[in-house]
Each structure stands twice: as C-alpha cells, then as structure tokens.
Amino acid sequence: MQPLPGTFAEDVVHQDARVQVEVFLDEHRAGLRACLDGLTEEQARRSLVPSRTTLLGLVKHAAFVERVWFDEAVTGRSRAEIGIPTSAEESFDLDAADTVDSVRRDHAAACEASRRATAGLGLDHVVHGNRRGPLPLRWVYLHVLREVAQHCGHADILREQVLAAQA
C-alpha cells in the first residue's frame, strides 16, 4: 500500500489520549481505503483465500464495523434501522452495485459519521447499544483500532497477491 497521508502518530506523542487514538484510527482507516488504489474492479473483487475475503469486501466490512461500533453501540439503533447486515460475515458480501469508488465513498462516509457520533463524548463515556452491555467509549475505540489494523494487514497481503498475479 502507499504511504499514509496527513497527520502521523508521531505528530501526536504529546497530545491527550483522545487525539492519539483518533489519529491512530484515522491512519488505519485511510490505509485500508488505500488498498484499493490503482486496482481494477476485477482485481478489487478477486478472491485468493478460501473465505469470502476480497480487498473490496474488506473495505465494505470496515464500513459495517464503523456503523456497528459508532452507531449501533453509541446510539442504540438496531442494525435494521441503520441498514446494515445482521452478521459480520454478511458484511463482506459484494453486490453488483459495489464498485471501488462506491465502497471507498461509503467507508469514508461511515468514518465521518463515527467522528460526528462521538464528537461530544469523552473516552470514559459509557455506551449502551452493544450486545455485550455497557462499554466505555475508550474500549470501543481500541476495539475498532485493533480490528481495522488487522484488516490493514490482511489487505497488504491480499494486495501483494493480486498485483503479483498480474505480473
């Protein structure tokens, strides 16, 4: 993947924890979207592992993750109300309308909605919309950061395979 744009984690060493967590998360969000840079629609949809995981599916799933943790968990709205699948596995499914541009835009919009949903909340704020029960927002941020970082690793490997197959 290409180098990440914008503020880097090293730039916020002396900032408060909220700023640090948001910068780390934003870097990984951008990195995941960047895995689609320069790919054809076919390459982005190529399945190279036994699961349904594709580069386009990873980014689509990441939008689902944003909505589960920063809409459902924060607002308490149901997945049906939000308009997302009931299971994480379904969130990888691609339909004919999913394109590199549309999925990338949707993920960026989900991330922006996440920022808006949490803008007035502190890290110690407790959210009540998750099936686990009440959770501090700090835990939610760390959970999402871990998941997005893992998917960035998956995307690095898949992208390398996709590009090697074209060589």
N, C-alpha and C. Protein backbone atom coordinates (compact mmCIF):
# COMPACT_ATOMS: atom_id res chain seq x y z
N MET A 1 0.84 -1.18 0.00
CA MET A 1 0.00 0.00 0.00
C MET A 1 0.88 1.23 0.00
N GLN A 2 0.29 2.34 -0.34
CA GLN A 2 1.04 3.58 -0.41
C GLN A 2 1.17 4.22 0.96
N PRO A 3 2.16 5.10 1.14
CA PRO A 3 2.32 5.77 2.44
C PRO A 3 1.04 6.52 2.82
N LEU A 4 0.82 6.60 4.13
CA LEU A 4 -0.39 7.25 4.62
C LEU A 4 -0.25 8.76 4.57
N PRO A 5 -1.32 9.44 4.15
CA PRO A 5 -1.29 10.91 4.10
C PRO A 5 -1.66 11.51 5.46
N GLY A 6 -1.49 12.81 5.56
CA GLY A 6 -1.99 13.53 6.73
C GLY A 6 -1.12 13.41 7.96
N THR A 7 -1.74 13.57 9.11
CA THR A 7 -1.05 13.53 10.39
C THR A 7 -0.62 12.11 10.70
N PHE A 8 0.57 11.97 11.20
CA PHE A 8 1.05 10.65 11.59
C PHE A 8 1.09 10.55 13.10
N ALA A 9 1.05 9.35 13.60
CA ALA A 9 1.00 9.11 15.03
C ALA A 9 2.14 9.81 15.77
N GLU A 10 3.30 9.90 15.15
CA GLU A 10 4.44 10.55 15.80
C GLU A 10 4.16 12.03 16.07
N ASP A 11 3.25 12.62 15.33
CA ASP A 11 2.93 14.03 15.48
C ASP A 11 2.09 14.32 16.71
N VAL A 12 1.55 13.28 17.34
CA VAL A 12 0.63 13.50 18.47
C VAL A 12 1.14 12.87 19.77
N VAL A 13 2.43 12.63 19.85
CA VAL A 13 3.02 11.99 21.04
C VAL A 13 2.63 12.72 22.31
N HIS A 14 2.58 14.02 22.29
CA HIS A 14 2.32 14.80 23.50
C HIS A 14 0.88 15.31 23.59
N GLN A 15 0.02 14.81 22.73
CA GLN A 15 -1.40 15.18 22.77
C GLN A 15 -2.13 14.29 23.78
N ASP A 16 -3.38 14.63 24.07
CA ASP A 16 -4.14 13.79 25.00
C ASP A 16 -4.53 12.48 24.34
N ALA A 17 -4.97 11.53 25.15
CA ALA A 17 -5.26 10.18 24.67
C ALA A 17 -6.31 10.16 23.57
N ARG A 18 -7.31 11.01 23.67
CA ARG A 18 -8.38 11.03 22.66
C ARG A 18 -7.80 11.38 21.30
N VAL A 19 -6.98 12.40 21.24
CA VAL A 19 -6.36 12.81 19.98
C VAL A 19 -5.49 11.67 19.44
N GLN A 20 -4.70 11.05 20.31
CA GLN A 20 -3.83 9.97 19.87
C GLN A 20 -4.63 8.81 19.28
N VAL A 21 -5.67 8.39 19.97
CA VAL A 21 -6.47 7.26 19.49
C VAL A 21 -7.12 7.60 18.15
N GLU A 22 -7.65 8.79 18.03
CA GLU A 22 -8.29 9.17 16.77
C GLU A 22 -7.30 9.24 15.62
N VAL A 23 -6.10 9.74 15.86
CA VAL A 23 -5.09 9.81 14.80
C VAL A 23 -4.66 8.41 14.38
N PHE A 24 -4.40 7.54 15.35
CA PHE A 24 -4.03 6.16 15.01
C PHE A 24 -5.15 5.50 14.19
N LEU A 25 -6.39 5.66 14.63
CA LEU A 25 -7.51 5.06 13.93
C LEU A 25 -7.66 5.65 12.53
N ASP A 26 -7.56 6.97 12.41
CA ASP A 26 -7.69 7.59 11.09
C ASP A 26 -6.59 7.14 10.13
N GLU A 27 -5.38 6.94 10.64
CA GLU A 27 -4.30 6.45 9.77
C GLU A 27 -4.65 5.07 9.22
N HIS A 28 -5.17 4.22 10.06
CA HIS A 28 -5.51 2.87 9.60
C HIS A 28 -6.74 2.88 8.70
N ARG A 29 -7.71 3.74 8.99
CA ARG A 29 -8.86 3.87 8.09
C ARG A 29 -8.41 4.26 6.69
N ALA A 30 -7.55 5.27 6.62
CA ALA A 30 -7.04 5.73 5.32
C ALA A 30 -6.21 4.65 4.65
N GLY A 31 -5.42 3.94 5.43
CA GLY A 31 -4.61 2.86 4.87
C GLY A 31 -5.46 1.76 4.27
N LEU A 32 -6.54 1.45 4.92
CA LEU A 32 -7.42 0.40 4.39
C LEU A 32 -8.07 0.85 3.08
N ARG A 33 -8.55 2.09 3.03
CA ARG A 33 -9.11 2.59 1.76
C ARG A 33 -8.04 2.60 0.66
N ALA A 34 -6.80 2.91 1.04
CA ALA A 34 -5.71 2.99 0.06
C ALA A 34 -5.38 1.63 -0.56
N CYS A 35 -5.79 0.55 0.07
CA CYS A 35 -5.50 -0.77 -0.51
C CYS A 35 -6.17 -0.93 -1.88
N LEU A 36 -7.15 -0.10 -2.16
CA LEU A 36 -7.86 -0.17 -3.44
C LEU A 36 -7.25 0.72 -4.52
N ASP A 37 -6.28 1.54 -4.14
CA ASP A 37 -5.67 2.48 -5.08
C ASP A 37 -5.10 1.77 -6.30
N GLY A 38 -5.50 2.23 -7.47
CA GLY A 38 -4.94 1.74 -8.72
C GLY A 38 -5.40 0.37 -9.15
N LEU A 39 -6.35 -0.22 -8.44
CA LEU A 39 -6.82 -1.55 -8.82
C LEU A 39 -8.01 -1.46 -9.76
N THR A 40 -8.13 -2.44 -10.61
CA THR A 40 -9.33 -2.56 -11.44
C THR A 40 -10.45 -3.13 -10.57
N GLU A 41 -11.67 -3.05 -11.07
CA GLU A 41 -12.80 -3.63 -10.35
C GLU A 41 -12.59 -5.13 -10.15
N GLU A 42 -12.07 -5.77 -11.17
CA GLU A 42 -11.83 -7.23 -11.09
C GLU A 42 -10.79 -7.54 -10.03
N GLN A 43 -9.70 -6.79 -10.01
CA GLN A 43 -8.67 -7.02 -9.01
C GLN A 43 -9.20 -6.81 -7.59
N ALA A 44 -9.99 -5.77 -7.40
CA ALA A 44 -10.53 -5.47 -6.07
C ALA A 44 -11.48 -6.56 -5.59
N ARG A 45 -12.12 -7.27 -6.52
CA ARG A 45 -13.07 -8.33 -6.19
C ARG A 45 -12.42 -9.72 -6.16
N ARG A 46 -11.19 -9.82 -6.56
CA ARG A 46 -10.54 -11.13 -6.67
C ARG A 46 -10.44 -11.82 -5.32
N SER A 47 -10.86 -13.06 -5.29
CA SER A 47 -10.79 -13.87 -4.08
C SER A 47 -9.61 -14.82 -4.19
N LEU A 48 -8.69 -14.69 -3.26
CA LEU A 48 -7.47 -15.51 -3.29
C LEU A 48 -7.33 -16.40 -2.06
N VAL A 49 -8.35 -16.39 -1.21
CA VAL A 49 -8.35 -17.21 0.01
C VAL A 49 -9.67 -17.96 0.07
N PRO A 50 -9.72 -19.04 0.85
CA PRO A 50 -10.96 -19.83 0.91
C PRO A 50 -12.18 -19.06 1.44
N SER A 51 -11.96 -18.06 2.26
CA SER A 51 -13.08 -17.27 2.77
C SER A 51 -13.58 -16.32 1.68
N ARG A 52 -14.59 -15.53 2.00
CA ARG A 52 -15.13 -14.55 1.05
C ARG A 52 -14.33 -13.26 1.06
N THR A 53 -13.18 -13.25 1.68
CA THR A 53 -12.40 -12.03 1.83
C THR A 53 -11.80 -11.59 0.50
N THR A 54 -12.10 -10.35 0.14
CA THR A 54 -11.50 -9.68 -1.02
C THR A 54 -11.10 -8.29 -0.55
N LEU A 55 -10.30 -7.60 -1.33
CA LEU A 55 -9.93 -6.24 -0.94
C LEU A 55 -11.16 -5.34 -0.87
N LEU A 56 -12.03 -5.44 -1.85
CA LEU A 56 -13.24 -4.62 -1.83
C LEU A 56 -14.14 -5.01 -0.65
N GLY A 57 -14.22 -6.30 -0.39
CA GLY A 57 -15.01 -6.79 0.73
C GLY A 57 -14.47 -6.33 2.08
N LEU A 58 -13.15 -6.25 2.20
CA LEU A 58 -12.54 -5.76 3.46
C LEU A 58 -12.95 -4.32 3.75
N VAL A 59 -12.92 -3.49 2.72
CA VAL A 59 -13.29 -2.09 2.92
C VAL A 59 -14.79 -1.97 3.19
N LYS A 60 -15.59 -2.77 2.51
CA LYS A 60 -17.03 -2.77 2.76
C LYS A 60 -17.31 -3.22 4.20
N HIS A 61 -16.62 -4.25 4.65
CA HIS A 61 -16.76 -4.74 6.02
C HIS A 61 -16.34 -3.66 7.02
N ALA A 62 -15.29 -2.92 6.71
CA ALA A 62 -14.83 -1.87 7.62
C ALA A 62 -15.90 -0.78 7.81
N ALA A 63 -16.67 -0.49 6.77
CA ALA A 63 -17.78 0.46 6.90
C ALA A 63 -18.84 -0.11 7.85
N PHE A 64 -19.09 -1.40 7.74
CA PHE A 64 -20.01 -2.08 8.65
C PHE A 64 -19.51 -1.96 10.09
N VAL A 65 -18.22 -2.19 10.30
CA VAL A 65 -17.62 -2.10 11.64
C VAL A 65 -17.84 -0.70 12.22
N GLU A 66 -17.61 0.32 11.42
CA GLU A 66 -17.84 1.69 11.88
C GLU A 66 -19.27 1.87 12.36
N ARG A 67 -20.20 1.34 11.58
CA ARG A 67 -21.62 1.54 11.92
C ARG A 67 -22.04 0.71 13.13
N VAL A 68 -21.48 -0.47 13.29
CA VAL A 68 -21.80 -1.27 14.47
C VAL A 68 -21.30 -0.59 15.73
N TRP A 69 -20.06 -0.12 15.70
CA TRP A 69 -19.46 0.39 16.93
C TRP A 69 -19.74 1.86 17.21
N PHE A 70 -19.93 2.67 16.18
CA PHE A 70 -20.13 4.10 16.43
C PHE A 70 -21.56 4.56 16.13
N ASP A 71 -22.41 3.67 15.65
CA ASP A 71 -23.83 4.00 15.51
C ASP A 71 -24.61 3.08 16.45
N GLU A 72 -24.62 1.79 16.15
CA GLU A 72 -25.38 0.86 17.00
C GLU A 72 -24.98 0.97 18.47
N ALA A 73 -23.70 0.88 18.78
CA ALA A 73 -23.26 0.90 20.18
C ALA A 73 -23.48 2.25 20.84
N VAL A 74 -23.28 3.33 20.09
CA VAL A 74 -23.40 4.67 20.68
C VAL A 74 -24.86 5.11 20.76
N THR A 75 -25.62 4.92 19.67
CA THR A 75 -26.99 5.43 19.63
C THR A 75 -28.03 4.43 20.11
N GLY A 76 -27.69 3.14 20.04
CA GLY A 76 -28.64 2.11 20.41
C GLY A 76 -29.60 1.75 19.28
N ARG A 77 -29.41 2.34 18.09
CA ARG A 77 -30.25 1.97 16.94
C ARG A 77 -29.94 0.54 16.53
N SER A 78 -30.94 -0.17 16.05
CA SER A 78 -30.73 -1.55 15.61
C SER A 78 -30.03 -1.57 14.25
N ARG A 79 -29.47 -2.71 13.91
CA ARG A 79 -28.83 -2.87 12.61
C ARG A 79 -29.84 -2.69 11.48
N ALA A 80 -31.06 -3.12 11.69
CA ALA A 80 -32.11 -2.92 10.68
C ALA A 80 -32.36 -1.43 10.48
N GLU A 81 -32.42 -0.67 11.57
CA GLU A 81 -32.63 0.78 11.46
C GLU A 81 -31.47 1.45 10.74
N ILE A 82 -30.27 0.99 11.00
CA ILE A 82 -29.07 1.56 10.38
C ILE A 82 -28.98 1.14 8.91
N GLY A 83 -29.51 -0.03 8.59
CA GLY A 83 -29.45 -0.53 7.22
C GLY A 83 -28.20 -1.34 6.93
N ILE A 84 -27.76 -2.08 7.95
CA ILE A 84 -26.56 -2.92 7.78
C ILE A 84 -26.93 -4.37 8.02
N PRO A 85 -26.10 -5.31 7.54
CA PRO A 85 -26.38 -6.73 7.75
C PRO A 85 -26.45 -7.10 9.24
N THR A 86 -27.10 -8.21 9.50
CA THR A 86 -27.20 -8.66 10.89
C THR A 86 -25.92 -9.33 11.38
N SER A 87 -25.12 -9.86 10.46
CA SER A 87 -23.88 -10.54 10.88
C SER A 87 -22.66 -9.94 10.18
N ALA A 88 -21.54 -10.06 10.85
CA ALA A 88 -20.28 -9.56 10.29
C ALA A 88 -19.94 -10.30 8.99
N GLU A 89 -20.22 -11.60 8.93
CA GLU A 89 -19.89 -12.38 7.74
C GLU A 89 -20.60 -11.83 6.50
N GLU A 90 -21.85 -11.43 6.67
CA GLU A 90 -22.62 -10.89 5.54
C GLU A 90 -22.05 -9.56 5.06
N SER A 91 -21.34 -8.85 5.92
CA SER A 91 -20.84 -7.53 5.55
C SER A 91 -19.72 -7.59 4.51
N PHE A 92 -19.17 -8.75 4.27
CA PHE A 92 -18.14 -8.93 3.24
C PHE A 92 -18.76 -9.17 1.86
N ASP A 93 -20.06 -9.50 1.83
CA ASP A 93 -20.72 -9.83 0.57
C ASP A 93 -20.79 -8.61 -0.34
N LEU A 94 -20.44 -8.83 -1.58
CA LEU A 94 -20.47 -7.77 -2.59
C LEU A 94 -21.65 -7.97 -3.51
N ASP A 95 -22.27 -6.87 -3.92
CA ASP A 95 -23.33 -6.96 -4.92
C ASP A 95 -22.87 -6.19 -6.17
N ALA A 96 -23.67 -6.24 -7.20
CA ALA A 96 -23.29 -5.64 -8.49
C ALA A 96 -23.06 -4.14 -8.38
N ALA A 97 -23.73 -3.48 -7.45
CA ALA A 97 -23.60 -2.02 -7.31
C ALA A 97 -22.32 -1.61 -6.58
N ASP A 98 -21.64 -2.55 -5.94
CA ASP A 98 -20.41 -2.24 -5.21
C ASP A 98 -19.25 -2.07 -6.18
N THR A 99 -18.69 -0.87 -6.18
CA THR A 99 -17.52 -0.58 -7.01
C THR A 99 -16.42 -0.05 -6.11
N VAL A 100 -15.24 0.04 -6.62
CA VAL A 100 -14.13 0.61 -5.85
C VAL A 100 -14.53 2.00 -5.35
N ASP A 101 -15.04 2.83 -6.23
CA ASP A 101 -15.41 4.19 -5.83
C ASP A 101 -16.55 4.21 -4.82
N SER A 102 -17.60 3.42 -5.06
CA SER A 102 -18.76 3.47 -4.15
C SER A 102 -18.43 2.93 -2.77
N VAL A 103 -17.66 1.87 -2.71
CA VAL A 103 -17.29 1.29 -1.41
C VAL A 103 -16.34 2.21 -0.66
N ARG A 104 -15.41 2.80 -1.39
CA ARG A 104 -14.48 3.75 -0.75
C ARG A 104 -15.25 4.96 -0.20
N ARG A 105 -16.18 5.49 -1.00
CA ARG A 105 -17.00 6.63 -0.54
C ARG A 105 -17.85 6.26 0.68
N ASP A 106 -18.44 5.07 0.64
CA ASP A 106 -19.27 4.63 1.75
C ASP A 106 -18.45 4.48 3.03
N HIS A 107 -17.26 3.94 2.90
CA HIS A 107 -16.39 3.79 4.08
C HIS A 107 -16.01 5.16 4.63
N ALA A 108 -15.63 6.08 3.76
CA ALA A 108 -15.28 7.43 4.22
C ALA A 108 -16.47 8.10 4.90
N ALA A 109 -17.67 7.91 4.36
CA ALA A 109 -18.87 8.49 4.97
C ALA A 109 -19.16 7.85 6.32
N ALA A 110 -18.96 6.55 6.44
CA ALA A 110 -19.17 5.87 7.72
C ALA A 110 -18.18 6.38 8.76
N CYS A 111 -16.93 6.61 8.35
CA CYS A 111 -15.91 7.13 9.28
C CYS A 111 -16.27 8.54 9.74
N GLU A 112 -16.75 9.36 8.82
CA GLU A 112 -17.15 10.72 9.18
C GLU A 112 -18.34 10.69 10.13
N ALA A 113 -19.28 9.80 9.89
CA ALA A 113 -20.43 9.66 10.80
C ALA A 113 -19.96 9.20 12.18
N SER A 114 -18.97 8.35 12.22
CA SER A 114 -18.41 7.90 13.50
C SER A 114 -17.81 9.07 14.27
N ARG A 115 -17.08 9.91 13.56
CA ARG A 115 -16.48 11.09 14.21
C ARG A 115 -17.57 12.01 14.77
N ARG A 116 -18.62 12.22 13.99
CA ARG A 116 -19.72 13.08 14.45
C ARG A 116 -20.43 12.47 15.67
N ALA A 117 -20.65 11.16 15.65
CA ALA A 117 -21.37 10.48 16.73
C ALA A 117 -20.64 10.56 18.06
N THR A 118 -19.32 10.63 18.00
CA THR A 118 -18.53 10.61 19.23
C THR A 118 -17.93 11.97 19.58
N ALA A 119 -18.18 12.97 18.78
CA ALA A 119 -17.53 14.28 18.95
C ALA A 119 -17.74 14.87 20.34
N GLY A 120 -18.89 14.73 20.90
CA GLY A 120 -19.16 15.33 22.19
C GLY A 120 -18.97 14.39 23.37
N LEU A 121 -18.43 13.22 23.11
CA LEU A 121 -18.29 12.21 24.16
C LEU A 121 -16.84 12.07 24.60
N GLY A 122 -16.63 11.84 25.87
CA GLY A 122 -15.29 11.59 26.39
C GLY A 122 -14.97 10.10 26.33
N LEU A 123 -13.71 9.77 26.47
CA LEU A 123 -13.30 8.37 26.42
C LEU A 123 -13.92 7.54 27.54
N ASP A 124 -14.26 8.17 28.63
CA ASP A 124 -14.87 7.44 29.75
C ASP A 124 -16.40 7.36 29.64
N HIS A 125 -16.96 8.00 28.61
CA HIS A 125 -18.41 7.92 28.39
C HIS A 125 -18.79 6.46 28.18
N VAL A 126 -19.88 6.02 28.77
CA VAL A 126 -20.34 4.64 28.62
C VAL A 126 -21.43 4.58 27.57
N VAL A 127 -21.24 3.68 26.59
CA VAL A 127 -22.24 3.47 25.55
C VAL A 127 -23.03 2.22 25.91
N HIS A 128 -24.30 2.20 25.49
CA HIS A 128 -25.19 1.13 25.94
C HIS A 128 -25.79 0.30 24.82
N GLY A 129 -25.41 0.54 23.57
CA GLY A 129 -26.07 -0.13 22.46
C GLY A 129 -25.42 -1.40 21.99
N ASN A 130 -24.44 -1.93 22.70
CA ASN A 130 -23.77 -3.15 22.25
C ASN A 130 -24.32 -4.36 23.00
N ARG A 131 -24.32 -5.51 22.33
CA ARG A 131 -24.84 -6.74 22.93
C ARG A 131 -24.05 -7.17 24.18
N ARG A 132 -22.82 -6.69 24.33
CA ARG A 132 -22.01 -7.03 25.50
C ARG A 132 -22.49 -6.29 26.75
N GLY A 133 -23.29 -5.28 26.52
CA GLY A 133 -23.73 -4.44 27.63
C GLY A 133 -22.97 -3.13 27.62
N PRO A 134 -23.06 -2.37 28.70
CA PRO A 134 -22.40 -1.06 28.76
C PRO A 134 -20.89 -1.18 28.59
N LEU A 135 -20.35 -0.29 27.76
CA LEU A 135 -18.90 -0.28 27.48
C LEU A 135 -18.39 1.15 27.48
N PRO A 136 -17.19 1.38 28.01
CA PRO A 136 -16.62 2.73 27.89
C PRO A 136 -16.21 2.99 26.45
N LEU A 137 -16.38 4.22 26.01
CA LEU A 137 -16.02 4.59 24.64
C LEU A 137 -14.54 4.27 24.37
N ARG A 138 -13.70 4.41 25.35
CA ARG A 138 -12.28 4.07 25.20
C ARG A 138 -12.12 2.64 24.68
N TRP A 139 -12.87 1.70 25.25
CA TRP A 139 -12.80 0.30 24.84
C TRP A 139 -13.26 0.16 23.39
N VAL A 140 -14.33 0.87 23.04
CA VAL A 140 -14.85 0.82 21.68
C VAL A 140 -13.78 1.29 20.69
N TYR A 141 -13.17 2.43 20.98
CA TYR A 141 -12.10 2.94 20.11
C TYR A 141 -10.97 1.91 19.96
N LEU A 142 -10.53 1.35 21.06
CA LEU A 142 -9.42 0.39 21.00
C LEU A 142 -9.81 -0.87 20.23
N HIS A 143 -11.04 -1.31 20.42
CA HIS A 143 -11.52 -2.49 19.69
C HIS A 143 -11.54 -2.22 18.18
N VAL A 144 -12.07 -1.07 17.79
CA VAL A 144 -12.14 -0.73 16.36
C VAL A 144 -10.74 -0.54 15.80
N LEU A 145 -9.85 0.11 16.54
CA LEU A 145 -8.48 0.28 16.10
C LEU A 145 -7.83 -1.07 15.84
N ARG A 146 -8.00 -2.01 16.78
CA ARG A 146 -7.42 -3.35 16.60
C ARG A 146 -7.98 -4.02 15.36
N GLU A 147 -9.30 -3.95 15.17
CA GLU A 147 -9.90 -4.62 14.02
C GLU A 147 -9.45 -4.00 12.70
N VAL A 148 -9.45 -2.68 12.62
CA VAL A 148 -9.04 -2.03 11.37
C VAL A 148 -7.56 -2.30 11.09
N ALA A 149 -6.73 -2.30 12.13
CA ALA A 149 -5.31 -2.60 11.94
C ALA A 149 -5.12 -4.03 11.41
N GLN A 150 -5.87 -4.97 11.96
CA GLN A 150 -5.77 -6.36 11.47
C GLN A 150 -6.17 -6.43 10.00
N HIS A 151 -7.24 -5.73 9.65
CA HIS A 151 -7.69 -5.76 8.25
C HIS A 151 -6.70 -5.07 7.32
N CYS A 152 -5.98 -4.07 7.82
CA CYS A 152 -4.91 -3.46 7.01
C CYS A 152 -3.83 -4.50 6.70
N GLY A 153 -3.49 -5.32 7.67
CA GLY A 153 -2.52 -6.40 7.43
C GLY A 153 -3.03 -7.40 6.41
N HIS A 154 -4.30 -7.78 6.55
CA HIS A 154 -4.89 -8.69 5.56
C HIS A 154 -4.83 -8.05 4.17
N ALA A 155 -5.17 -6.76 4.10
CA ALA A 155 -5.19 -6.06 2.82
C ALA A 155 -3.79 -5.99 2.20
N ASP A 156 -2.77 -5.76 3.00
CA ASP A 156 -1.39 -5.74 2.48
C ASP A 156 -1.07 -7.04 1.76
N ILE A 157 -1.40 -8.14 2.40
CA ILE A 157 -1.08 -9.46 1.84
C ILE A 157 -1.91 -9.73 0.59
N LEU A 158 -3.21 -9.46 0.67
CA LEU A 158 -4.07 -9.70 -0.50
C LEU A 158 -3.67 -8.83 -1.69
N ARG A 159 -3.36 -7.57 -1.41
CA ARG A 159 -2.95 -6.66 -2.50
C ARG A 159 -1.66 -7.17 -3.15
N GLU A 160 -0.72 -7.61 -2.35
CA GLU A 160 0.53 -8.16 -2.90
C GLU A 160 0.24 -9.36 -3.79
N GLN A 161 -0.67 -10.22 -3.38
CA GLN A 161 -1.03 -11.38 -4.19
C GLN A 161 -1.74 -10.97 -5.48
N VAL A 162 -2.66 -10.03 -5.36
CA VAL A 162 -3.40 -9.56 -6.56
C VAL A 162 -2.43 -8.97 -7.57
N LEU A 163 -1.54 -8.13 -7.11
CA LEU A 163 -0.60 -7.48 -8.03
C LEU A 163 0.42 -8.48 -8.59
N ALA A 164 0.83 -9.45 -7.81
CA ALA A 164 1.78 -10.46 -8.30
C ALA A 164 1.12 -11.32 -9.37
N ALA A 165 -0.18 -11.57 -9.24
CA ALA A 165 -0.89 -12.36 -10.23
C ALA A 165 -0.96 -11.66 -11.59
N GLN A 166 -0.87 -10.32 -11.57
CA GLN A 166 -0.93 -9.53 -12.81
C GLN A 166 0.44 -9.41 -13.49
N ALA A 167 1.50 -9.70 -12.74
CA ALA A 167 2.86 -9.52 -13.28
C ALA A 167 3.25 -10.59 -14.26
